[in-house]
Amino acid sequence: AAAQFQQFLAKHSKSRLEPQVRYFLGSTQFAQGDYKTALLTQRDLAKDFPDSPRAPDALLSMASSQLELKSIPGAKKTLNELISKYPDSPAAASAKTRLNALK
């Protein structure tokens, strides 16, 4: 699936679907255990499309990758950023729960 998402992005680089496709690309990378690449994919999505409905989810996924990479301070920072930027999102509610678990 990751290869097909990458092909789509290469062929349709300004598509309105780009944030969605990038999010799912990062999800497939995470599922394959490629946490560093998944982290970068989701980071770039959140940076390039901060107004996308997928941006909060991308930050939550970033924190998951950081936790898998044993970067607890990085994960806490990302979760706090998510809560600050997107306080009313469902992802922010999940971020609060995860932060409490990390204390």
Protein backbone atom coordinates (compact mmCIF):
# COMPACT_ATOMS: atom_id res chain seq x y z
CA ALA A 1 0.00 0.00 0.00
CA ALA A 2 2.85 2.39 0.81
CA ALA A 3 4.21 2.13 -2.73
CA GLN A 4 0.80 2.94 -4.19
CA PHE A 5 0.42 5.97 -1.92
CA GLN A 6 3.86 7.18 -2.99
CA GLN A 7 2.96 6.70 -6.65
CA PHE A 8 -0.24 8.68 -6.17
CA LEU A 9 1.68 11.53 -4.54
CA ALA A 10 4.24 11.54 -7.35
CA LYS A 11 1.56 11.69 -10.04
CA HIS A 12 -0.90 13.99 -8.29
CA SER A 13 1.23 16.33 -6.19
CA LYS A 14 -1.24 19.16 -5.71
CA SER A 15 -4.33 17.02 -5.36
CA ARG A 16 -6.82 18.00 -2.70
CA LEU A 17 -6.41 14.41 -1.50
CA GLU A 18 -2.72 14.90 -0.74
CA PRO A 19 -3.11 15.35 3.05
CA GLN A 20 -5.27 12.24 3.28
CA VAL A 21 -2.89 10.17 1.17
CA ARG A 22 0.12 11.37 3.16
CA TYR A 23 -1.62 10.44 6.40
CA PHE A 24 -2.31 6.91 5.18
CA LEU A 25 1.23 6.62 3.82
CA GLY A 26 2.53 7.43 7.30
CA SER A 27 0.12 4.92 8.79
CA THR A 28 1.38 2.15 6.51
CA GLN A 29 4.98 3.05 7.32
CA PHE A 30 4.16 2.83 11.03
CA ALA A 31 2.41 -0.52 10.56
CA GLN A 32 5.53 -1.83 8.81
CA GLY A 33 7.67 -0.78 11.78
CA ASP A 34 9.39 2.04 9.90
CA TYR A 35 8.84 4.51 12.73
CA LYS A 36 11.44 7.06 11.65
CA THR A 37 9.97 7.40 8.17
CA ALA A 38 6.42 7.43 9.53
CA LEU A 39 7.44 10.20 11.92
CA LEU A 40 8.84 12.29 9.07
CA THR A 41 5.81 11.69 6.85
CA GLN A 42 3.37 12.76 9.55
CA ARG A 43 5.54 15.71 10.60
CA ASP A 44 5.62 17.02 7.05
CA LEU A 45 1.86 16.57 6.69
CA ALA A 46 1.19 18.58 9.87
CA LYS A 47 3.65 21.28 8.77
CA ASP A 48 2.51 21.54 5.14
CA PHE A 49 -1.24 21.27 5.80
CA PRO A 50 -1.91 22.71 9.27
CA ASP A 51 -5.55 23.42 8.40
CA SER A 52 -6.25 19.90 7.19
CA PRO A 53 -8.59 17.77 9.28
CA ARG A 54 -5.79 15.18 9.23
CA ALA A 55 -3.22 17.50 10.89
CA PRO A 56 -4.22 16.67 14.48
CA ASP A 57 -4.23 12.96 13.66
CA ALA A 58 -0.80 13.32 12.08
CA LEU A 59 0.56 14.83 15.30
CA LEU A 60 -0.95 11.99 17.31
CA SER A 61 0.68 9.50 14.95
CA MET A 62 3.96 11.36 15.29
CA ALA A 63 3.80 10.89 19.04
CA SER A 64 3.15 7.17 18.55
CA SER A 65 6.26 6.89 16.41
CA GLN A 66 8.28 8.84 18.96
CA LEU A 67 7.12 6.47 21.69
CA GLU A 68 8.14 3.47 19.59
CA LEU A 69 11.55 5.12 19.11
CA LYS A 70 11.80 5.62 22.91
CA SER A 71 11.75 9.41 22.56
CA ILE A 72 9.50 10.12 25.54
CA PRO A 73 10.38 13.86 25.73
CA GLY A 74 9.69 14.21 22.00
CA ALA A 75 6.36 12.44 22.33
CA LYS A 76 5.35 14.66 25.25
CA LYS A 77 6.30 17.77 23.27
CA THR A 78 4.28 16.60 20.24
CA LEU A 79 1.25 15.72 22.38
CA ASN A 80 1.36 19.14 24.07
CA GLU A 81 1.64 20.82 20.64
CA LEU A 82 -1.40 18.87 19.45
CA ILE A 83 -3.45 19.92 22.48
CA SER A 84 -2.37 23.53 22.07
CA LYS A 85 -3.02 23.81 18.31
CA TYR A 86 -6.14 21.65 18.04
CA PRO A 87 -7.77 21.68 21.50
CA ASP A 88 -11.24 20.69 20.31
CA SER A 89 -10.17 17.80 18.11
CA PRO A 90 -10.79 14.16 19.01
CA ALA A 91 -7.02 13.66 18.66
CA ALA A 92 -6.45 16.22 21.46
CA ALA A 93 -8.62 14.16 23.79
CA SER A 94 -6.47 11.12 23.01
CA ALA A 95 -3.33 13.20 23.49
CA LYS A 96 -4.46 14.22 26.99
CA THR A 97 -5.01 10.59 27.92
CA ARG A 98 -1.60 9.60 26.60
CA LEU A 99 0.12 12.46 28.41
CA ASN A 100 -1.46 11.39 31.70
CA ALA A 101 -0.23 7.85 31.11
CA LEU A 102 3.32 9.14 30.51
CA LYS A 103 3.54 10.99 33.82
